[in-house]
N, C-alpha and C. Protein backbone atom coordinates (compact mmCIF):
# COMPACT_ATOMS: atom_id res chain seq x y z
N MET A 1 -3.38 -5.18 -7.07
CA MET A 1 -2.28 -5.22 -6.80
C MET A 1 -1.76 -4.23 -5.29
N ARG A 2 -1.26 -5.50 -5.34
CA ARG A 2 -0.75 -4.69 -3.35
C ARG A 2 0.55 -4.71 -2.87
N VAL A 3 1.30 -3.94 -1.99
CA VAL A 3 2.32 -4.71 -1.46
C VAL A 3 2.05 -5.64 -0.69
N ILE A 4 2.83 -6.99 -0.63
CA ILE A 4 3.15 -8.45 0.22
C ILE A 4 3.40 -8.15 1.49
N THR A 5 4.55 -7.59 1.27
CA THR A 5 4.83 -7.55 3.02
C THR A 5 5.75 -6.38 3.18
N GLY A 6 6.20 -6.33 4.79
CA GLY A 6 6.55 -5.15 4.81
C GLY A 6 6.50 -4.39 5.96
N LYS A 7 7.29 -3.31 6.12
CA LYS A 7 6.49 -2.03 6.72
C LYS A 7 4.96 -1.42 5.68
N ALA A 8 4.71 -1.76 4.50
CA ALA A 8 3.72 -1.59 3.91
C ALA A 8 2.86 -2.55 3.31
N ARG A 9 2.97 -3.12 3.94
CA ARG A 9 2.19 -4.63 3.49
C ARG A 9 0.54 -4.57 3.29
N GLY A 10 -0.07 -5.04 2.47
CA GLY A 10 -1.20 -5.00 2.19
C GLY A 10 -1.66 -3.39 2.00
N ARG A 11 -1.05 -2.94 1.53
CA ARG A 11 -1.34 -1.42 0.92
C ARG A 11 -1.33 -1.26 -0.77
N LYS A 12 -2.70 -1.10 -0.92
CA LYS A 12 -3.28 -1.11 -2.63
C LYS A 12 -2.31 0.13 -3.14
N LEU A 13 -1.70 -0.84 -4.76
CA LEU A 13 -1.50 0.12 -5.35
C LEU A 13 -2.33 0.66 -6.38
N GLN A 14 -1.79 1.91 -7.25
CA GLN A 14 -2.35 1.83 -8.06
C GLN A 14 -1.38 1.81 -9.26
N THR A 15 -1.98 1.54 -11.07
CA THR A 15 -1.66 1.40 -11.81
C THR A 15 -2.26 2.15 -12.73
N LEU A 16 -2.04 2.54 -13.55
CA LEU A 16 -2.42 2.75 -15.53
C LEU A 16 -2.86 1.91 -15.79
N SER A 17 -4.08 2.97 -16.94
CA SER A 17 -4.75 1.04 -17.59
C SER A 17 -4.23 1.81 -18.95
N GLY A 18 -4.76 0.18 -19.79
CA GLY A 18 -4.73 0.62 -21.32
C GLY A 18 -3.29 -0.72 -21.90
N ASN A 19 -3.26 -0.56 -23.00
CA ASN A 19 -2.61 -1.95 -23.68
C ASN A 19 -1.07 -1.62 -23.20
N ASP A 20 -0.75 -0.45 -23.16
CA ASP A 20 0.31 0.30 -23.04
C ASP A 20 1.12 -0.55 -21.65
N VAL A 21 0.51 -0.47 -20.78
CA VAL A 21 0.49 -0.97 -19.26
C VAL A 21 0.89 -2.64 -19.06
N ARG A 22 1.84 -3.61 -18.06
CA ARG A 22 1.70 -4.69 -18.06
C ARG A 22 3.01 -4.44 -17.03
N PRO A 23 1.90 -4.89 -16.08
CA PRO A 23 2.29 -4.85 -14.47
C PRO A 23 3.20 -6.53 -13.91
N THR A 24 4.02 -5.98 -13.40
CA THR A 24 4.10 -7.52 -13.06
C THR A 24 2.90 -7.53 -12.36
N THR A 25 2.80 -9.24 -12.43
CA THR A 25 2.13 -10.34 -11.79
C THR A 25 2.32 -10.14 -10.41
N ASP A 26 0.99 -10.82 -9.33
CA ASP A 26 1.37 -11.13 -7.97
C ASP A 26 2.26 -12.05 -7.87
N ILE A 27 2.27 -13.42 -8.65
CA ILE A 27 2.78 -14.25 -8.65
C ILE A 27 4.35 -14.18 -9.25
N VAL A 28 4.96 -13.63 -10.22
CA VAL A 28 6.51 -13.14 -10.32
C VAL A 28 6.94 -11.93 -9.47
N LYS A 29 6.24 -10.98 -8.62
CA LYS A 29 6.60 -10.48 -8.06
C LYS A 29 6.64 -11.41 -6.49
N GLU A 30 6.18 -11.97 -6.35
CA GLU A 30 6.43 -12.82 -4.86
C GLU A 30 7.50 -13.62 -5.72
N ALA A 31 7.69 -14.10 -6.33
CA ALA A 31 8.72 -15.02 -6.66
C ALA A 31 10.05 -14.54 -6.85
N VAL A 32 9.96 -12.92 -7.73
CA VAL A 32 11.39 -12.62 -7.40
C VAL A 32 11.74 -11.85 -5.68
N PHE A 33 10.97 -11.45 -4.83
CA PHE A 33 11.24 -11.34 -3.65
C PHE A 33 11.78 -12.63 -2.66
N SER A 34 11.14 -13.75 -3.30
CA SER A 34 11.43 -14.61 -2.52
C SER A 34 12.59 -15.01 -2.21
N ILE A 35 13.26 -14.97 -4.07
CA ILE A 35 14.81 -15.43 -3.97
C ILE A 35 15.15 -14.27 -3.49
N ILE A 36 15.37 -12.72 -3.30
CA ILE A 36 16.60 -11.85 -3.29
C ILE A 36 16.16 -11.54 -1.37
N GLN A 37 14.95 -12.50 -0.73
CA GLN A 37 14.38 -11.90 0.38
C GLN A 37 15.90 -11.69 1.25
N PHE A 38 16.87 -12.28 1.32
CA PHE A 38 17.81 -12.30 2.60
C PHE A 38 18.49 -11.44 1.89
N GLY A 39 18.64 -10.52 1.05
CA GLY A 39 19.29 -9.58 0.33
C GLY A 39 18.81 -8.02 -0.06
N ILE A 40 18.17 -7.95 0.70
CA ILE A 40 16.89 -6.60 0.20
C ILE A 40 17.47 -5.48 1.00
N GLU A 41 17.43 -6.36 2.85
CA GLU A 41 17.74 -4.89 3.47
C GLU A 41 18.95 -4.23 3.43
N GLY A 42 19.01 -2.38 3.92
CA GLY A 42 20.05 -1.71 3.39
C GLY A 42 20.95 -1.65 2.01
N ARG A 43 19.98 -2.30 1.47
CA ARG A 43 20.55 -2.19 -0.57
C ARG A 43 19.96 -0.78 -0.71
N THR A 44 20.72 -0.73 -2.06
CA THR A 44 20.08 0.11 -3.27
C THR A 44 19.72 -0.57 -4.34
N PHE A 45 18.03 -0.20 -4.35
CA PHE A 45 17.34 -1.04 -5.62
C PHE A 45 17.10 0.26 -6.86
N LEU A 46 17.15 -0.28 -7.87
CA LEU A 46 16.97 0.25 -9.33
C LEU A 46 16.16 -0.55 -9.99
N ASP A 47 14.96 0.46 -9.96
CA ASP A 47 13.85 0.16 -10.62
C ASP A 47 13.33 0.38 -11.74
N ALA A 48 13.64 -0.18 -12.80
CA ALA A 48 14.45 0.65 -14.08
C ALA A 48 13.36 -0.07 -15.27
N TYR A 49 12.22 1.59 -15.57
CA TYR A 49 11.08 1.10 -16.65
C TYR A 49 10.12 0.97 -15.03
N ALA A 50 9.85 1.48 -14.19
CA ALA A 50 9.10 1.69 -13.15
C ALA A 50 7.94 1.03 -13.37
N GLY A 51 7.15 1.95 -14.49
CA GLY A 51 5.42 1.69 -14.79
C GLY A 51 5.18 2.55 -13.38
N SER A 52 4.20 1.18 -12.07
CA SER A 52 3.85 1.70 -11.03
C SER A 52 4.67 2.12 -10.09
N GLY A 53 5.49 1.13 -10.18
CA GLY A 53 7.04 1.07 -9.34
C GLY A 53 6.40 0.33 -8.10
N GLN A 54 5.47 -0.80 -8.44
CA GLN A 54 5.41 -1.72 -7.14
C GLN A 54 6.86 -2.79 -7.28
N MET A 55 7.63 -2.56 -8.16
CA MET A 55 9.03 -3.46 -7.36
C MET A 55 10.10 -2.89 -6.65
N GLY A 56 10.31 -1.72 -6.72
CA GLY A 56 10.79 -0.73 -6.09
C GLY A 56 10.42 -0.11 -4.57
N ILE A 57 9.13 -0.11 -4.70
CA ILE A 57 7.99 -0.19 -3.63
C ILE A 57 8.14 -1.55 -2.40
N GLU A 58 7.96 -2.42 -3.10
CA GLU A 58 8.21 -3.79 -2.37
C GLU A 58 9.44 -4.00 -1.82
N ALA A 59 10.36 -3.31 -2.41
CA ALA A 59 12.13 -3.20 -2.24
C ALA A 59 11.75 -2.42 -0.83
N LEU A 60 11.33 -1.30 -1.15
CA LEU A 60 11.52 -0.59 0.07
C LEU A 60 10.65 -1.16 1.22
N SER A 61 9.74 -1.50 1.21
CA SER A 61 8.60 -2.01 2.28
C SER A 61 9.68 -2.95 2.80
N ARG A 62 10.43 -4.14 2.46
CA ARG A 62 11.18 -5.00 2.95
C ARG A 62 12.43 -4.01 3.45
N GLY A 63 12.83 -3.11 3.32
CA GLY A 63 14.12 -2.48 4.20
C GLY A 63 15.27 -2.24 3.35
N ALA A 64 14.42 -2.32 1.89
CA ALA A 64 15.71 -1.86 1.00
C ALA A 64 16.21 -0.12 1.48
N ALA A 65 17.67 -0.04 1.17
CA ALA A 65 18.08 1.81 1.72
C ALA A 65 17.88 3.01 1.18
N LYS A 66 16.93 2.33 -0.34
CA LYS A 66 16.82 3.05 -1.47
C LYS A 66 16.65 2.73 -2.29
N ALA A 67 15.43 3.06 -3.26
CA ALA A 67 15.37 3.00 -4.43
C ALA A 67 14.83 4.29 -5.44
N VAL A 68 15.50 3.71 -6.84
CA VAL A 68 15.46 4.42 -7.78
C VAL A 68 14.57 4.04 -8.56
N PHE A 69 13.61 4.50 -9.23
CA PHE A 69 12.48 4.79 -9.92
C PHE A 69 12.48 5.28 -11.53
N LEU A 70 12.76 4.59 -12.47
CA LEU A 70 12.73 5.30 -13.59
C LEU A 70 11.73 4.75 -14.56
N ASP A 71 11.24 6.26 -15.25
CA ASP A 71 10.19 6.03 -16.78
C ASP A 71 10.17 6.87 -17.04
N ASN A 72 10.01 6.97 -18.68
CA ASN A 72 10.24 8.27 -19.78
C ASN A 72 8.90 8.60 -20.02
N SER A 73 7.59 8.40 -19.25
CA SER A 73 6.72 8.43 -19.02
C SER A 73 5.85 8.99 -18.00
N ARG A 74 5.90 10.10 -18.31
CA ARG A 74 5.15 11.21 -17.31
C ARG A 74 3.93 11.06 -15.95
N GLN A 75 3.10 9.84 -16.54
CA GLN A 75 2.15 9.73 -16.16
C GLN A 75 2.32 8.24 -15.44
N SER A 76 3.54 7.51 -15.32
CA SER A 76 3.71 6.81 -14.91
C SER A 76 4.41 7.19 -13.55
N CYS A 77 5.85 8.32 -13.63
CA CYS A 77 6.25 8.66 -12.68
C CYS A 77 5.20 9.11 -11.45
N GLU A 78 4.29 9.99 -12.08
CA GLU A 78 2.98 10.31 -11.12
C GLU A 78 2.66 9.36 -10.48
N ILE A 79 2.30 8.19 -10.74
CA ILE A 79 1.43 7.24 -10.18
C ILE A 79 2.31 6.17 -9.44
N VAL A 80 3.69 6.38 -9.99
CA VAL A 80 5.10 5.84 -8.46
C VAL A 80 4.66 6.88 -7.55
N ARG A 81 4.51 8.40 -7.47
CA ARG A 81 4.78 9.12 -6.39
C ARG A 81 3.19 8.88 -5.67
N LYS A 82 2.38 9.19 -6.28
CA LYS A 82 1.32 8.56 -5.85
C LYS A 82 1.48 7.14 -4.86
N ASN A 83 2.29 6.27 -5.43
CA ASN A 83 1.80 5.09 -4.55
C ASN A 83 2.74 5.03 -3.59
N LEU A 84 4.40 5.71 -3.69
CA LEU A 84 4.81 6.06 -2.72
C LEU A 84 4.42 7.13 -1.52
N GLU A 85 3.77 7.94 -1.66
CA GLU A 85 3.15 8.48 -0.83
C GLU A 85 1.86 7.58 0.46
N VAL A 86 0.78 7.15 -0.60
CA VAL A 86 0.04 6.14 -0.13
C VAL A 86 1.10 4.86 0.76
N THR A 87 2.05 4.37 0.72
CA THR A 87 3.00 3.48 1.66
C THR A 87 3.76 3.82 2.42
N GLY A 88 3.56 5.69 2.34
CA GLY A 88 4.75 5.72 3.62
C GLY A 88 6.14 6.24 3.64
N LEU A 89 6.78 5.57 1.85
CA LEU A 89 7.61 5.43 1.29
C LEU A 89 8.69 5.98 0.56
N SER A 90 8.04 7.38 0.67
CA SER A 90 8.57 8.48 -0.01
C SER A 90 10.24 8.79 0.19
N GLU A 91 9.83 8.53 1.58
CA GLU A 91 11.65 9.30 1.81
C GLU A 91 13.19 8.45 1.19
N ASN A 92 12.87 7.67 1.21
CA ASN A 92 14.02 6.68 0.43
C ASN A 92 13.78 6.37 -1.23
N ALA A 93 12.90 7.56 -1.76
CA ALA A 93 12.91 7.12 -3.48
C ALA A 93 12.63 8.20 -3.50
N VAL A 94 13.72 7.90 -4.65
CA VAL A 94 13.90 8.85 -5.84
C VAL A 94 13.04 8.95 -7.16
N ILE A 95 12.22 9.51 -8.22
CA ILE A 95 11.74 9.31 -9.07
C ILE A 95 12.16 9.86 -9.95
N LYS A 96 12.77 9.05 -11.05
CA LYS A 96 13.17 10.61 -12.70
C LYS A 96 12.43 10.05 -13.68
N ASN A 97 12.20 10.85 -14.01
CA ASN A 97 11.40 11.11 -15.53
C ASN A 97 12.30 10.81 -16.57
N THR A 98 12.77 9.92 -17.36
CA THR A 98 13.92 9.85 -18.17
C THR A 98 13.88 8.39 -18.79
N ASP A 99 14.52 8.78 -19.84
CA ASP A 99 14.83 6.99 -20.54
C ASP A 99 16.07 6.51 -20.04
N THR A 100 15.71 5.43 -19.60
CA THR A 100 16.12 4.50 -18.74
C THR A 100 17.79 4.38 -19.77
N LEU A 101 18.16 4.11 -20.85
CA LEU A 101 19.62 3.79 -21.53
C LEU A 101 20.22 5.20 -21.18
N SER A 102 19.42 6.45 -21.38
CA SER A 102 20.53 7.85 -20.87
C SER A 102 21.07 7.94 -19.65
N TYR A 103 19.71 7.12 -18.67
CA TYR A 103 20.11 7.90 -17.36
C TYR A 103 21.60 6.55 -17.12
N LEU A 104 21.63 5.15 -17.72
CA LEU A 104 22.50 4.56 -17.25
C LEU A 104 23.42 4.83 -17.69
N THR A 105 23.55 5.51 -18.96
CA THR A 105 24.81 6.18 -19.53
C THR A 105 25.68 7.42 -18.68
N GLY A 106 24.91 8.19 -18.15
CA GLY A 106 25.14 9.41 -17.36
C GLY A 106 25.55 8.97 -16.20
N THR A 107 25.16 7.94 -15.29
CA THR A 107 25.06 8.34 -13.75
C THR A 107 26.30 7.86 -13.24
N PRO A 108 26.68 8.23 -12.15
CA PRO A 108 27.68 7.73 -11.40
C PRO A 108 27.20 6.78 -10.31
N GLU A 109 26.06 6.66 -9.89
CA GLU A 109 25.05 6.05 -8.78
C GLU A 109 25.44 4.29 -9.17
N LYS A 110 25.48 3.78 -7.96
CA LYS A 110 25.67 2.07 -8.02
C LYS A 110 24.61 1.72 -7.31
N PHE A 111 24.45 0.33 -8.19
CA PHE A 111 23.34 -0.40 -7.18
C PHE A 111 23.65 -1.51 -6.83
N ASP A 112 22.84 -2.12 -5.32
CA ASP A 112 23.11 -3.17 -5.39
C ASP A 112 22.62 -4.33 -6.05
N ILE A 113 20.68 -3.88 -6.72
CA ILE A 113 19.44 -5.06 -6.96
C ILE A 113 19.31 -3.78 -8.44
N VAL A 114 18.83 -4.63 -9.02
CA VAL A 114 17.44 -3.91 -10.66
C VAL A 114 17.02 -4.88 -11.08
N PHE A 115 15.66 -4.00 -11.05
CA PHE A 115 14.96 -5.09 -11.43
C PHE A 115 14.60 -4.74 -13.24
N ILE A 116 14.61 -5.32 -14.03
CA ILE A 116 14.70 -4.65 -15.53
C ILE A 116 13.56 -5.62 -16.10
N ASP A 117 12.19 -4.96 -16.74
CA ASP A 117 11.29 -4.69 -17.06
C ASP A 117 10.39 -4.11 -18.21
N PRO A 118 11.23 -3.40 -19.03
CA PRO A 118 11.15 -2.71 -20.07
C PRO A 118 9.78 -3.39 -21.10
N PRO A 119 9.35 -2.56 -22.32
CA PRO A 119 8.23 -3.29 -23.39
C PRO A 119 8.94 -4.47 -23.83
N TYR A 120 8.20 -5.43 -23.58
CA TYR A 120 8.30 -6.70 -24.37
C TYR A 120 8.51 -6.38 -25.79
N ARG A 121 9.57 -7.23 -26.06
CA ARG A 121 9.52 -7.39 -27.60
C ARG A 121 9.91 -6.24 -28.55
N THR A 122 10.41 -5.32 -28.17
CA THR A 122 11.50 -4.38 -28.55
C THR A 122 12.84 -4.57 -28.93
N GLY A 123 13.90 -5.23 -28.38
CA GLY A 123 15.36 -5.05 -28.43
C GLY A 123 15.48 -3.89 -26.61
N ILE A 124 14.62 -3.40 -26.48
CA ILE A 124 14.77 -3.03 -25.09
C ILE A 124 16.05 -2.92 -24.29
N LEU A 125 15.39 -4.71 -24.03
CA LEU A 125 15.97 -5.36 -22.77
C LEU A 125 17.78 -5.20 -22.64
N MET A 126 17.89 -6.06 -24.52
CA MET A 126 19.10 -6.63 -24.32
C MET A 126 20.21 -5.05 -24.49
N GLN A 127 19.54 -3.78 -24.96
CA GLN A 127 20.39 -2.66 -24.84
C GLN A 127 20.46 -2.33 -23.25
N THR A 128 19.86 -2.91 -22.48
CA THR A 128 19.57 -2.56 -21.22
C THR A 128 20.75 -3.42 -20.50
N LEU A 129 21.00 -4.50 -20.79
CA LEU A 129 21.24 -5.17 -20.22
C LEU A 129 23.62 -5.02 -20.32
N GLU A 130 23.19 -4.74 -21.62
CA GLU A 130 24.59 -4.13 -21.93
C GLU A 130 25.18 -3.06 -20.76
N LYS A 131 23.98 -2.22 -20.73
CA LYS A 131 24.49 -1.03 -19.85
C LYS A 131 24.26 -1.35 -18.06
N MET A 132 24.24 -2.16 -18.06
CA MET A 132 23.33 -2.28 -16.51
C MET A 132 25.02 -2.57 -15.89
N PRO A 133 25.70 -3.57 -16.29
CA PRO A 133 26.72 -3.36 -15.31
C PRO A 133 27.56 -2.37 -14.77
N GLY A 134 27.60 -1.16 -15.77
CA GLY A 134 28.19 -0.24 -15.35
C GLY A 134 27.68 0.57 -14.54
N VAL A 135 26.86 -0.02 -13.40
CA VAL A 135 25.53 1.02 -12.37
C VAL A 135 25.74 -0.32 -11.70
N MET A 136 26.26 -1.40 -11.22
CA MET A 136 26.45 -2.51 -10.76
C MET A 136 27.76 -2.10 -9.66
N LYS A 137 27.50 -2.59 -8.36
CA LYS A 137 27.95 -2.62 -6.87
C LYS A 137 28.59 -4.10 -7.15
N LYS A 138 29.80 -4.53 -7.06
CA LYS A 138 30.65 -5.93 -7.20
C LYS A 138 29.82 -6.90 -7.19
N GLY A 139 29.06 -6.86 -6.05
CA GLY A 139 28.25 -7.63 -5.32
C GLY A 139 26.75 -7.71 -5.91
N GLY A 140 26.33 -7.04 -6.60
CA GLY A 140 25.54 -6.86 -7.52
C GLY A 140 24.52 -7.80 -7.96
N ILE A 141 23.39 -8.05 -7.77
CA ILE A 141 22.35 -8.86 -8.72
C ILE A 141 21.20 -7.72 -9.87
N MET A 142 20.92 -8.49 -11.20
CA MET A 142 20.53 -8.09 -11.83
C MET A 142 18.80 -9.27 -11.74
N ILE A 143 17.96 -8.76 -12.13
CA ILE A 143 16.65 -9.70 -12.36
C ILE A 143 16.00 -9.40 -13.64
N CYS A 144 15.89 -10.05 -14.52
CA CYS A 144 15.31 -9.58 -15.83
C CYS A 144 14.02 -10.11 -16.00
N GLU A 145 12.47 -9.27 -16.18
CA GLU A 145 11.58 -10.14 -16.81
C GLU A 145 11.38 -9.70 -17.94
N HIS A 146 10.85 -11.21 -18.47
CA HIS A 146 11.02 -11.36 -20.22
C HIS A 146 9.80 -12.00 -20.59
N PRO A 147 9.58 -12.37 -21.83
CA PRO A 147 8.71 -13.22 -22.35
C PRO A 147 9.40 -14.57 -22.65
N VAL A 148 9.22 -15.99 -22.37
CA VAL A 148 9.78 -17.11 -22.35
C VAL A 148 10.22 -17.38 -24.21
N GLU A 149 9.84 -16.88 -24.90
CA GLU A 149 10.40 -16.45 -26.38
C GLU A 149 11.70 -16.11 -25.99
N GLU A 150 12.03 -14.94 -25.40
CA GLU A 150 13.29 -14.26 -25.56
C GLU A 150 14.36 -15.02 -24.74
N LYS A 151 15.50 -15.02 -25.54
CA LYS A 151 16.54 -16.04 -24.36
C LYS A 151 17.92 -15.19 -24.09
N MET A 152 17.98 -15.49 -23.56
CA MET A 152 19.13 -14.44 -22.41
C MET A 152 20.46 -14.68 -22.73
N PRO A 153 21.55 -13.83 -22.69
CA PRO A 153 23.10 -14.44 -22.64
C PRO A 153 23.40 -14.88 -21.24
N GLU A 154 24.51 -15.79 -21.68
CA GLU A 154 24.82 -16.70 -20.30
C GLU A 154 26.12 -15.82 -19.21
N GLU A 155 26.55 -14.53 -20.61
CA GLU A 155 27.51 -13.50 -19.62
C GLU A 155 27.09 -11.85 -20.62
N ILE A 156 27.12 -11.39 -19.44
CA ILE A 156 26.89 -9.97 -19.84
C ILE A 156 27.82 -9.18 -18.88
N GLN A 157 29.32 -8.88 -19.49
CA GLN A 157 30.34 -8.79 -18.69
C GLN A 157 30.92 -9.50 -17.93
N ASP A 158 31.28 -8.35 -16.95
CA ASP A 158 31.65 -9.17 -15.38
C ASP A 158 30.26 -9.90 -14.65
N PHE A 159 29.00 -10.23 -15.53
CA PHE A 159 28.05 -10.78 -14.84
C PHE A 159 27.54 -12.12 -15.71
N VAL A 160 26.91 -13.59 -15.46
CA VAL A 160 26.70 -14.27 -15.52
C VAL A 160 25.13 -14.87 -14.43
N LEU A 161 24.70 -15.93 -15.79
CA LEU A 161 23.18 -16.21 -15.85
C LEU A 161 23.25 -16.76 -15.49
N LYS A 162 22.52 -16.65 -13.45
CA LYS A 162 23.06 -17.62 -12.23
C LYS A 162 21.58 -18.24 -12.63
N LYS A 163 20.90 -17.68 -12.78
CA LYS A 163 19.21 -18.97 -12.33
C LYS A 163 18.32 -18.06 -13.72
N GLU A 164 17.57 -19.36 -13.91
CA GLU A 164 15.98 -19.19 -14.34
C GLU A 164 14.68 -19.14 -14.47
N TYR A 165 13.95 -18.32 -14.15
CA TYR A 165 12.76 -19.21 -13.59
C TYR A 165 11.37 -19.12 -14.24
N GLU A 166 10.98 -19.82 -14.23
CA GLU A 166 9.64 -19.49 -15.86
C GLU A 166 8.20 -19.92 -14.84
N TYR A 167 7.57 -19.07 -15.83
CA TYR A 167 5.86 -18.71 -14.83
C TYR A 167 5.07 -18.53 -16.10
N GLY A 168 4.83 -19.64 -16.61
CA GLY A 168 3.92 -19.53 -17.52
C GLY A 168 4.50 -19.03 -18.88
N LYS A 169 4.25 -17.55 -19.08
CA LYS A 169 4.93 -17.21 -20.77
C LYS A 169 5.73 -16.08 -20.11
N ILE A 170 6.23 -15.80 -18.35
CA ILE A 170 7.21 -14.72 -18.23
C ILE A 170 8.06 -15.73 -17.69
N VAL A 171 8.83 -15.52 -17.44
CA VAL A 171 10.59 -15.77 -17.14
C VAL A 171 11.43 -14.84 -16.71
N ILE A 172 11.97 -15.14 -15.45
CA ILE A 172 12.70 -14.31 -14.58
C ILE A 172 14.45 -14.43 -14.80
N SER A 173 15.40 -13.92 -15.49
CA SER A 173 16.70 -14.31 -15.51
C SER A 173 17.15 -13.53 -14.46
N LEU A 174 18.15 -14.15 -13.96
CA LEU A 174 18.98 -13.63 -12.57
C LEU A 174 20.51 -13.74 -12.88
N TYR A 175 21.03 -12.68 -12.69
CA TYR A 175 22.29 -12.27 -12.88
C TYR A 175 23.49 -11.71 -11.85
N SER A 176 24.28 -12.56 -11.44
CA SER A 176 25.19 -11.42 -10.52
C SER A 176 26.50 -11.55 -11.26
N HIS A 177 27.59 -11.03 -10.22
CA HIS A 177 28.92 -10.59 -10.75
C HIS A 177 29.46 -12.44 -10.49
N LYS A 178 30.65 -12.13 -11.35
CA LYS A 178 31.01 -13.54 -11.55
C LYS A 178 31.71 -14.15 -10.66
N GLU A 179 31.98 -13.11 -9.37
CA GLU A 179 32.83 -13.34 -8.30
C GLU A 179 31.77 -14.09 -7.41
N VAL A 180 30.69 -13.55 -6.98
CA VAL A 180 29.54 -14.24 -6.59
C VAL A 180 29.09 -15.43 -6.35
N VAL A 181 29.12 -16.34 -5.30
CA VAL A 181 29.24 -17.21 -5.31
C VAL A 181 27.74 -17.68 -4.97
N GLY A 182 26.98 -18.38 -5.31
CA GLY A 182 25.23 -18.48 -5.46
C GLY A 182 24.50 -17.63 -5.10
N ILE A 183 22.94 -17.12 -4.75
CA ILE A 183 22.02 -16.85 -5.11
C ILE A 183 20.95 -17.14 -4.01
């Protein structure tokens, strides 16, 4: 697993091993960043359920102003910290060892882009989506990674499902504010 492009291009990233870890594949990561490539620079990025932190690190490498990494696993947060050090992107990063749902309920912070990739088939994705609009900037976008059999709602408060991209057994669902035209 490597950073695809930007300041940290080619840097190798660590990940935890084991059955509880499911890093976003390089194909899906590249697709996500192709979709949002012109909307990253200078933006705030939330990597919910960060794992290795590869999505937030990719955003920082491509010019995001700030990335916040959330994970309730101390081991995952330590991997994110190490990956940020290796890439030289620690300065604009915040790592929070916390439950994502609790964080979303209590934070005053607002984000331009969020990437949501919780453990599959647990119901956490829908719970997270219901809370996410409260931390979004008006022109923001929410990106969800989920299994193909998990169907996403057309609307989440003021956000609408703009497009879905299928990659084998994985789907990327893209939401934006109702007033945003195109993506």
